[in-house]
Amino acid sequence: MEVLTSVDADRIAVLRARDEFFWLDLMRPAPAELDRAGELLALHPLAREDSREFAQRPKLDRYPDTVLLVYWSARITDNGLAVEPVEVHLHISGGFLLTVRHTACLELDSLHRELRDGPIAEDYVIYKVLDALTDAIYPVIDHLETRIDALEAAVLNEVRQPQLGQIHRLKQEVQQVQRRIAPQREQFPAASAAILQLPGLERGSREYLRDIGDHLVQVAGELGRQTDDLTTLTSTFFNANASRLNRLATRLTVMATFFLIWTLVTSFFGQNFRWLTDHVDSFEAFLLYEGLTLVIPTIVAAVYFWRRRKEWW
């Protein structure tokens, strides 16, 4: 099977004349190149217009001889720090597969070499492209899971205010993929049926497209679970932060209690009561009375706090 990565009018005409199935994969095509491909493949004008406008939701458009499927995948950005959705427009017919994308997808690039080797059932080609786009989401899920686990460990170890922003940014990354995969999972049975009903599309001995539906269910489930985990992690952050503040308030209370005892004793002996002036008339007497009234309450308070330390810290 032939795989083309640019609009070669002569080669496309030959393949169409021989009724030989081929795959045309266009990466960031210029508007003129996209129009030329639409003319050569006799695409419906509405289908051509849709592929000029990206950032669409997953959808399925049926035409007399073709199907337009807006399909979403995802990838880890080149710097490895974030997740980026990947939008691919698939124009499918019984004689060709045209994919249009604006974002790099290594899984599709590696599929070029695999599909060039020998004759392959036409529905299997479509399955392999959709399967590559779907399987590309699994490394993204693993990447997000690693970041969630690391952030959860950091929160439980020592809560810090910047972690709350990290949680919300990570949740946004998960949800921007989930918002596209969830409706895609719901509509895929209809898309699979529309593809298999295309006139002239040769089918193999297996219902390959059913596997894509199963994978989408798994992916949507994992993304939903990660969203729930991040929601729980937000609650964990606030609980851990409240616990940290309670520990800090407890320490301050303990310190304040000691200072209260010391302030009370020293202020008492600073009064000019007659009994004090008559009995505390030497430095030794001052040390005796002052020392006893300071040391004994301090020891009592220290023993009390020490015995209750496991409840408060």
Protein backbone atom coordinates (compact mmCIF):
# COMPACT_ATOMS: atom_id res chain seq x y z
CA MET A 1 0.00 0.00 0.00
CA GLU A 2 1.25 3.48 -0.80
CA VAL A 3 1.58 6.20 1.80
CA LEU A 4 1.89 9.78 0.56
CA THR A 5 2.92 12.77 2.67
CA SER A 6 2.37 15.47 0.05
CA VAL A 7 -0.12 16.15 -2.71
CA ASP A 8 1.34 14.39 -5.75
CA ALA A 9 -1.34 14.93 -8.39
CA ASP A 10 0.09 12.48 -10.92
CA ARG A 11 0.56 9.68 -8.39
CA ILE A 12 -2.89 10.20 -6.91
CA ALA A 13 -4.42 10.09 -10.40
CA VAL A 14 -2.67 6.78 -11.11
CA LEU A 15 -3.80 5.24 -7.82
CA ARG A 16 -7.36 6.42 -8.35
CA ALA A 17 -7.40 5.04 -11.89
CA ARG A 18 -6.20 1.64 -10.62
CA ASP A 19 -8.72 1.79 -7.74
CA GLU A 20 -5.84 1.14 -5.36
CA PHE A 21 -6.34 2.13 -1.74
CA PHE A 22 -3.78 4.64 -0.42
CA TRP A 23 -3.14 6.89 2.56
CA LEU A 24 -2.40 10.60 2.16
CA ASP A 25 -1.10 12.10 5.40
CA LEU A 26 -0.79 15.90 5.33
CA MET A 27 1.07 17.69 8.10
CA ARG A 28 0.31 21.45 8.37
CA PRO A 29 -0.81 21.74 4.73
CA ALA A 30 -1.07 25.17 3.15
CA PRO A 31 -4.64 26.17 2.19
CA ALA A 32 -3.79 25.79 -1.51
CA GLU A 33 -2.40 22.29 -0.92
CA LEU A 34 -5.49 21.30 1.06
CA ASP A 35 -7.78 22.62 -1.68
CA ARG A 36 -5.80 20.74 -4.30
CA ALA A 37 -6.12 17.49 -2.34
CA GLY A 38 -9.86 18.07 -1.98
CA GLU A 39 -10.23 18.50 -5.72
CA LEU A 40 -8.18 15.43 -6.59
CA LEU A 41 -10.09 13.27 -4.10
CA ALA A 42 -13.50 14.80 -4.93
CA LEU A 43 -14.22 15.70 -1.34
CA HIS A 44 -17.49 17.39 -0.47
CA PRO A 45 -17.11 21.21 -0.17
CA LEU A 46 -18.30 21.12 3.45
CA ALA A 47 -15.69 18.49 4.29
CA ARG A 48 -12.96 20.66 2.76
CA GLU A 49 -14.16 23.67 4.74
CA ASP A 50 -14.14 21.70 8.01
CA SER A 51 -10.51 20.72 7.51
CA ARG A 52 -9.50 24.36 7.10
CA GLU A 53 -10.80 25.10 10.60
CA PHE A 54 -9.19 23.21 13.47
CA ALA A 55 -9.96 23.27 17.23
CA GLN A 56 -13.22 21.40 16.62
CA ARG A 57 -14.94 18.98 18.93
CA PRO A 58 -14.96 15.26 18.03
CA LYS A 59 -17.55 14.73 15.35
CA LEU A 60 -18.72 12.49 12.53
CA ASP A 61 -19.98 13.83 9.20
CA ARG A 62 -21.38 11.47 6.59
CA TYR A 63 -21.27 12.22 2.87
CA PRO A 64 -22.40 10.05 -0.05
CA ASP A 65 -19.02 8.38 -0.63
CA THR A 66 -16.89 9.59 2.28
CA VAL A 67 -16.88 10.05 6.03
CA LEU A 68 -15.20 12.91 7.91
CA LEU A 69 -14.10 11.92 11.39
CA VAL A 70 -12.57 14.56 13.68
CA TYR A 71 -10.48 12.45 16.02
CA TRP A 72 -8.46 13.55 19.05
CA SER A 73 -5.30 12.09 20.49
CA ALA A 74 -2.70 13.62 22.82
CA ARG A 75 1.05 13.87 23.24
CA ILE A 76 3.66 15.03 25.72
CA THR A 77 5.18 18.34 24.65
CA ASP A 78 8.77 18.45 23.44
CA ASN A 79 10.01 19.84 26.76
CA GLY A 80 8.29 16.96 28.60
CA LEU A 81 6.56 19.30 31.05
CA ALA A 82 2.98 19.39 29.76
CA VAL A 83 0.35 17.56 27.74
CA GLU A 84 -0.97 18.77 24.39
CA PRO A 85 -4.12 17.50 22.60
CA VAL A 86 -3.64 16.38 18.99
CA GLU A 87 -6.47 16.94 16.51
CA VAL A 88 -6.61 14.84 13.33
CA HIS A 89 -9.19 15.07 10.55
CA LEU A 90 -9.75 11.75 8.78
CA HIS A 91 -11.47 11.76 5.38
CA ILE A 92 -12.30 8.11 4.74
CA SER A 93 -13.65 6.51 1.59
CA GLY A 94 -13.55 3.14 -0.13
CA GLY A 95 -10.52 4.23 -2.18
CA PHE A 96 -8.35 6.35 0.11
CA LEU A 97 -7.67 7.69 3.58
CA LEU A 98 -6.76 11.37 3.94
CA THR A 99 -5.50 12.61 7.31
CA VAL A 100 -4.92 16.28 8.05
CA ARG A 101 -3.15 17.45 11.20
CA HIS A 102 -1.32 20.48 12.52
CA THR A 103 0.56 18.76 15.36
CA ALA A 104 3.38 16.25 15.18
CA CYS A 105 2.45 12.67 16.05
CA LEU A 106 5.32 10.18 16.18
CA GLU A 107 2.92 7.23 16.20
CA LEU A 108 1.53 8.20 12.79
CA ASP A 109 5.00 8.90 11.42
CA SER A 110 6.22 5.45 12.42
CA LEU A 111 3.08 3.92 10.91
CA HIS A 112 4.12 5.16 7.46
CA ARG A 113 6.91 2.59 7.27
CA GLU A 114 4.79 -0.24 8.66
CA LEU A 115 1.94 0.18 6.17
CA ARG A 116 4.20 0.48 3.14
CA ASP A 117 5.18 -3.20 3.44
CA GLY A 118 2.92 -5.38 1.34
CA PRO A 119 -0.84 -5.46 0.66
CA ILE A 120 -3.11 -4.79 3.64
CA ALA A 121 -6.90 -4.95 4.02
CA GLU A 122 -8.39 -1.49 3.60
CA ASP A 123 -10.36 -1.48 6.84
CA TYR A 124 -7.19 -2.63 8.63
CA VAL A 125 -5.37 0.50 7.41
CA ILE A 126 -8.07 2.69 8.93
CA TYR A 127 -7.93 0.62 12.12
CA LYS A 128 -4.14 1.00 12.39
CA VAL A 129 -4.34 4.79 12.04
CA LEU A 130 -7.09 5.09 14.65
CA ASP A 131 -5.34 2.59 16.89
CA ALA A 132 -2.08 4.56 16.70
CA LEU A 133 -3.88 7.77 17.64
CA THR A 134 -5.67 6.06 20.52
CA ASP A 135 -2.61 4.23 21.85
CA ALA A 136 -0.66 7.50 21.80
CA ILE A 137 -2.83 8.60 24.75
CA TYR A 138 -1.54 5.82 27.04
CA PRO A 139 1.96 7.36 27.51
CA VAL A 140 0.22 10.66 28.25
CA ILE A 141 -1.87 8.96 30.94
CA ASP A 142 1.29 7.40 32.45
CA HIS A 143 3.01 10.80 32.36
CA LEU A 144 0.09 12.45 34.14
CA GLU A 145 -0.09 9.61 36.66
CA THR A 146 3.58 10.03 37.53
CA ARG A 147 3.12 13.75 38.09
CA ILE A 148 -0.01 13.19 40.21
CA ASP A 149 1.78 10.63 42.40
CA ALA A 150 4.79 12.91 42.86
CA LEU A 151 2.58 15.87 43.76
CA GLU A 152 0.56 13.79 46.19
CA ALA A 153 3.73 12.60 47.92
CA ALA A 154 4.98 16.20 48.18
CA VAL A 155 1.68 17.38 49.70
CA LEU A 156 1.64 14.59 52.26
CA ASN A 157 5.30 15.14 53.12
CA GLU A 158 5.25 18.93 53.53
CA VAL A 159 2.41 21.10 52.31
CA ARG A 160 3.34 24.34 50.53
CA GLN A 161 1.10 27.03 49.00
CA PRO A 162 2.53 26.72 45.42
CA GLN A 163 1.35 23.10 45.36
CA LEU A 164 -2.27 24.26 45.09
CA GLY A 165 -1.51 26.01 41.81
CA GLN A 166 0.30 22.90 40.55
CA ILE A 167 -2.74 20.77 41.37
CA HIS A 168 -5.10 23.07 39.46
CA ARG A 169 -2.79 23.29 36.42
CA LEU A 170 -2.43 19.51 36.34
CA LYS A 171 -6.19 19.11 36.62
CA GLN A 172 -6.65 21.45 33.65
CA GLU A 173 -4.26 19.31 31.57
CA VAL A 174 -6.19 16.15 32.42
CA GLN A 175 -9.56 17.76 31.73
CA GLN A 176 -8.57 19.25 28.39
CA VAL A 177 -7.87 15.72 27.17
CA GLN A 178 -10.90 14.25 28.93
CA ARG A 179 -13.28 16.82 27.37
CA ARG A 180 -12.34 15.52 23.93
CA ILE A 181 -12.05 11.82 24.64
CA ALA A 182 -15.40 11.45 26.46
CA PRO A 183 -17.63 12.53 23.51
CA GLN A 184 -15.31 10.68 21.13
CA ARG A 185 -15.94 7.46 23.06
CA GLU A 186 -19.71 8.03 22.92
CA GLN A 187 -19.84 8.61 19.17
CA PHE A 188 -17.35 5.94 18.09
CA PRO A 189 -19.88 3.09 17.63
CA ALA A 190 -21.73 5.28 15.10
CA ALA A 191 -18.45 6.26 13.45
CA SER A 192 -17.37 2.63 13.19
CA ALA A 193 -20.66 1.65 11.58
CA ALA A 194 -20.48 4.56 9.11
CA ILE A 195 -16.91 3.62 8.09
CA LEU A 196 -17.76 -0.04 7.52
CA GLN A 197 -20.77 0.94 5.38
CA LEU A 198 -18.70 3.00 2.95
CA PRO A 199 -19.12 1.78 -0.64
CA GLY A 200 -16.05 0.08 -2.06
CA LEU A 201 -14.24 -0.38 1.26
CA GLU A 202 -12.76 -3.87 1.45
CA ARG A 203 -13.08 -5.53 4.82
CA GLY A 204 -10.86 -8.13 6.40
CA SER A 205 -11.91 -11.17 8.37
CA ARG A 206 -11.89 -9.33 11.73
CA GLU A 207 -13.89 -6.53 13.26
CA TYR A 208 -10.81 -4.45 14.03
CA LEU A 209 -12.61 -1.20 14.80
CA ARG A 210 -14.31 -2.76 17.80
CA ASP A 211 -10.93 -2.76 19.57
CA ILE A 212 -10.73 1.03 19.20
CA GLY A 213 -14.01 1.40 21.06
CA ASP A 214 -12.68 -0.76 23.91
CA HIS A 215 -9.49 1.31 24.11
CA LEU A 216 -11.48 4.55 24.21
CA VAL A 217 -13.53 3.23 27.12
CA GLN A 218 -10.30 2.41 28.99
CA VAL A 219 -8.74 5.79 28.24
CA ALA A 220 -11.86 7.72 29.26
CA GLY A 221 -12.03 5.71 32.47
CA GLU A 222 -8.40 6.44 33.34
CA LEU A 223 -8.81 10.16 32.68
CA GLY A 224 -11.96 10.26 34.79
CA ARG A 225 -10.14 8.51 37.64
CA GLN A 226 -7.26 10.99 37.42
CA THR A 227 -9.71 13.89 37.60
CA ASP A 228 -11.22 12.35 40.74
CA ASP A 229 -7.73 11.82 42.19
CA LEU A 230 -6.84 15.48 41.66
CA THR A 231 -10.13 16.58 43.23
CA THR A 232 -9.32 14.40 46.23
CA LEU A 233 -5.77 15.77 46.27
CA THR A 234 -7.18 19.31 46.49
CA SER A 235 -9.10 18.29 49.61
CA THR A 236 -5.99 16.59 50.94
CA PHE A 237 -4.03 19.80 50.42
CA PHE A 238 -6.51 21.87 52.42
CA ASN A 239 -6.69 19.25 55.17
CA ALA A 240 -2.91 19.01 55.35
CA ASN A 241 -2.62 22.78 55.36
CA ALA A 242 -5.20 23.04 58.15
CA SER A 243 -3.31 20.39 60.10
CA ARG A 244 -0.08 22.32 59.63
CA LEU A 245 -1.71 25.51 60.88
CA ASN A 246 -3.12 23.62 63.88
CA ARG A 247 0.34 22.30 64.73
CA LEU A 248 1.76 25.80 64.44
CA ALA A 249 -1.01 27.21 66.65
CA THR A 250 -0.35 24.44 69.19
CA ARG A 251 3.34 25.30 69.36
CA LEU A 252 2.56 28.98 69.77
CA THR A 253 0.05 28.14 72.50
CA VAL A 254 2.63 26.09 74.38
CA MET A 255 5.15 28.91 74.16
CA ALA A 256 2.53 31.45 75.22
CA THR A 257 1.60 29.30 78.23
CA PHE A 258 5.18 29.31 79.51
CA PHE A 259 5.49 33.05 78.98
CA LEU A 260 2.17 33.56 80.78
CA ILE A 261 3.48 31.68 83.83
CA TRP A 262 6.74 33.58 83.85
CA THR A 263 5.04 36.95 83.32
CA LEU A 264 2.55 36.26 86.12
CA VAL A 265 5.28 35.33 88.60
CA THR A 266 7.63 38.16 87.77
CA SER A 267 4.81 40.72 87.77
CA PHE A 268 3.65 39.47 91.17
CA PHE A 269 7.08 39.94 92.70
CA GLY A 270 7.26 43.33 91.11
CA GLN A 271 4.41 44.60 93.33
CA ASN A 272 5.08 46.63 96.46
CA PHE A 273 3.06 44.52 98.91
CA ARG A 274 4.05 44.91 102.56
CA TRP A 275 4.54 41.17 103.03
CA LEU A 276 6.93 41.07 100.08
CA THR A 277 8.90 44.06 101.25
CA ASP A 278 9.12 42.61 104.76
CA HIS A 279 10.10 39.04 103.84
CA VAL A 280 11.94 39.37 100.59
CA ASP A 281 14.64 41.56 102.00
CA SER A 282 17.73 39.82 100.63
CA PHE A 283 19.05 38.49 97.37
CA GLU A 284 18.93 34.90 98.69
CA ALA A 285 15.27 35.27 99.64
CA PHE A 286 14.48 36.72 96.25
CA LEU A 287 16.14 33.76 94.51
CA LEU A 288 14.30 31.31 96.74
CA TYR A 289 10.80 32.70 96.30
CA GLU A 290 11.26 33.68 92.66
CA GLY A 291 12.97 30.44 91.73
CA LEU A 292 10.37 28.19 93.34
CA THR A 293 7.42 30.05 91.89
CA LEU A 294 9.01 30.01 88.42
CA VAL A 295 10.48 26.50 88.33
CA ILE A 296 7.63 24.49 89.82
CA PRO A 297 4.82 25.80 87.48
CA THR A 298 7.20 25.54 84.52
CA ILE A 299 8.00 21.90 85.32
CA VAL A 300 4.32 21.07 85.82
CA ALA A 301 3.35 22.68 82.49
CA ALA A 302 6.28 21.01 80.69
CA VAL A 303 5.33 17.55 82.00
CA TYR A 304 1.69 18.11 80.98
CA PHE A 305 2.59 19.20 77.44
CA TRP A 306 5.11 16.37 77.06
CA ARG A 307 2.52 13.74 77.97
CA ARG A 308 0.02 15.21 75.49
CA ARG A 309 2.52 15.71 72.66
CA LYS A 310 1.34 12.72 70.57
CA GLU A 311 -2.20 14.09 70.49
CA TRP A 312 -1.14 17.53 69.25
CA TRP A 313 1.81 16.92 66.93
